[in-house]
Amino acid sequence: MLLITCPHCGPRDEVEFRYGGQAGVASPADPEALDDATWARYVFFRDNPKGPFAERWVHAAGCRRWFDAVRDTVTNQFLDPEPRR
């Protein structure tokens, strides 16, 4: 079982969390102006690195707060969770 540290509640079991995708993906400034190909790239294309990767997580069964965390995709180990500001 994976142990995830919520920056607000402390270490908790992985079943309390939901994955929110890649961290740091900015929403388009004018989504109405995007063509279909650009919109599809924004919605569906994300990085898939081997190693440390910044992700968004929500403590769904706890404080319900979102936070960014860096997870090593090779070892599945969480590094430095940061509270969402």
Protein backbone atom coordinates (compact mmCIF):
# COMPACT_ATOMS: atom_id res chain seq x y z
CA MET A 1 0.00 0.00 0.00
CA LEU A 2 1.24 3.48 -0.90
CA LEU A 3 1.47 6.14 1.82
CA ILE A 4 0.86 9.72 0.61
CA THR A 5 1.63 12.71 2.83
CA CYS A 6 -1.09 15.34 2.66
CA PRO A 7 0.56 18.69 3.47
CA HIS A 8 -2.51 19.57 5.56
CA CYS A 9 -3.34 16.25 7.30
CA GLY A 10 -0.09 14.28 7.29
CA PRO A 11 0.57 10.73 6.02
CA ARG A 12 -2.52 8.87 4.82
CA ASP A 13 -3.36 5.73 2.86
CA GLU A 14 -3.47 6.09 -0.95
CA VAL A 15 -7.20 5.20 -1.15
CA GLU A 16 -8.01 8.62 0.37
CA PHE A 17 -6.54 10.48 -2.64
CA ARG A 18 -7.43 11.09 -6.27
CA TYR A 19 -4.98 11.94 -9.03
CA GLY A 20 -5.52 15.30 -10.72
CA GLY A 21 -3.05 15.18 -13.60
CA GLN A 22 0.13 17.01 -14.42
CA ALA A 23 0.85 20.08 -12.28
CA GLY A 24 1.60 23.44 -13.82
CA VAL A 25 -0.58 23.13 -16.92
CA ALA A 26 -2.01 26.61 -17.53
CA SER A 27 -5.54 27.01 -18.84
CA PRO A 28 -5.79 28.71 -22.23
CA ALA A 29 -6.28 32.48 -21.91
CA ASP A 30 -8.94 32.50 -24.67
CA PRO A 31 -10.36 28.97 -25.12
CA GLU A 32 -12.93 30.20 -27.66
CA ALA A 33 -10.09 31.16 -30.03
CA LEU A 34 -8.48 27.69 -30.09
CA ASP A 35 -8.86 25.47 -33.11
CA ASP A 36 -9.69 21.78 -32.60
CA ALA A 37 -6.09 20.58 -32.88
CA THR A 38 -4.81 23.09 -30.31
CA TRP A 39 -7.70 22.32 -27.95
CA ALA A 40 -7.04 18.56 -28.27
CA ARG A 41 -3.34 19.14 -27.50
CA TYR A 42 -4.30 21.08 -24.32
CA VAL A 43 -6.82 18.46 -23.14
CA PHE A 44 -5.08 15.20 -24.02
CA PHE A 45 -1.33 15.71 -24.33
CA ARG A 46 0.75 15.59 -21.14
CA ASP A 47 4.35 14.80 -20.30
CA ASN A 48 5.17 11.21 -19.40
CA PRO A 49 8.71 11.30 -17.99
CA LYS A 50 10.70 8.56 -16.35
CA GLY A 51 11.69 9.96 -12.95
CA PRO A 52 10.48 12.94 -10.90
CA PHE A 53 7.17 14.38 -12.14
CA ALA A 54 5.06 17.26 -10.73
CA GLU A 55 1.44 16.17 -10.21
CA ARG A 56 -1.84 17.47 -8.75
CA TRP A 57 -3.55 15.44 -6.02
CA VAL A 58 -6.70 15.96 -3.96
CA HIS A 59 -7.26 14.50 -0.48
CA ALA A 60 -10.78 13.41 -1.45
CA ALA A 61 -11.56 11.38 1.69
CA GLY A 62 -9.95 13.85 4.06
CA CYS A 63 -9.57 17.63 4.01
CA ARG A 64 -10.60 17.80 0.29
CA ARG A 65 -7.76 20.16 -0.47
CA TRP A 66 -5.69 20.10 -3.64
CA PHE A 67 -1.90 20.06 -3.51
CA ASP A 68 1.04 19.67 -5.85
CA ALA A 69 3.48 16.86 -5.25
CA VAL A 70 6.53 15.51 -7.02
CA ARG A 71 6.41 11.75 -7.52
CA ASP A 72 9.16 9.59 -8.95
CA THR A 73 7.42 7.58 -11.67
CA VAL A 74 10.05 4.84 -11.48
CA THR A 75 9.95 4.15 -7.73
CA ASN A 76 6.43 5.58 -7.09
CA GLN A 77 7.93 7.49 -4.14
CA PHE A 78 6.48 10.90 -3.28
CA LEU A 79 8.88 13.79 -2.80
CA ASP A 80 7.95 17.21 -1.32
CA PRO A 81 4.15 17.72 -1.36
CA GLU A 82 3.29 21.43 -1.55
CA PRO A 83 0.02 23.06 -0.49
CA ARG A 84 -1.99 24.71 -3.28
CA ARG A 85 -1.96 28.48 -2.93
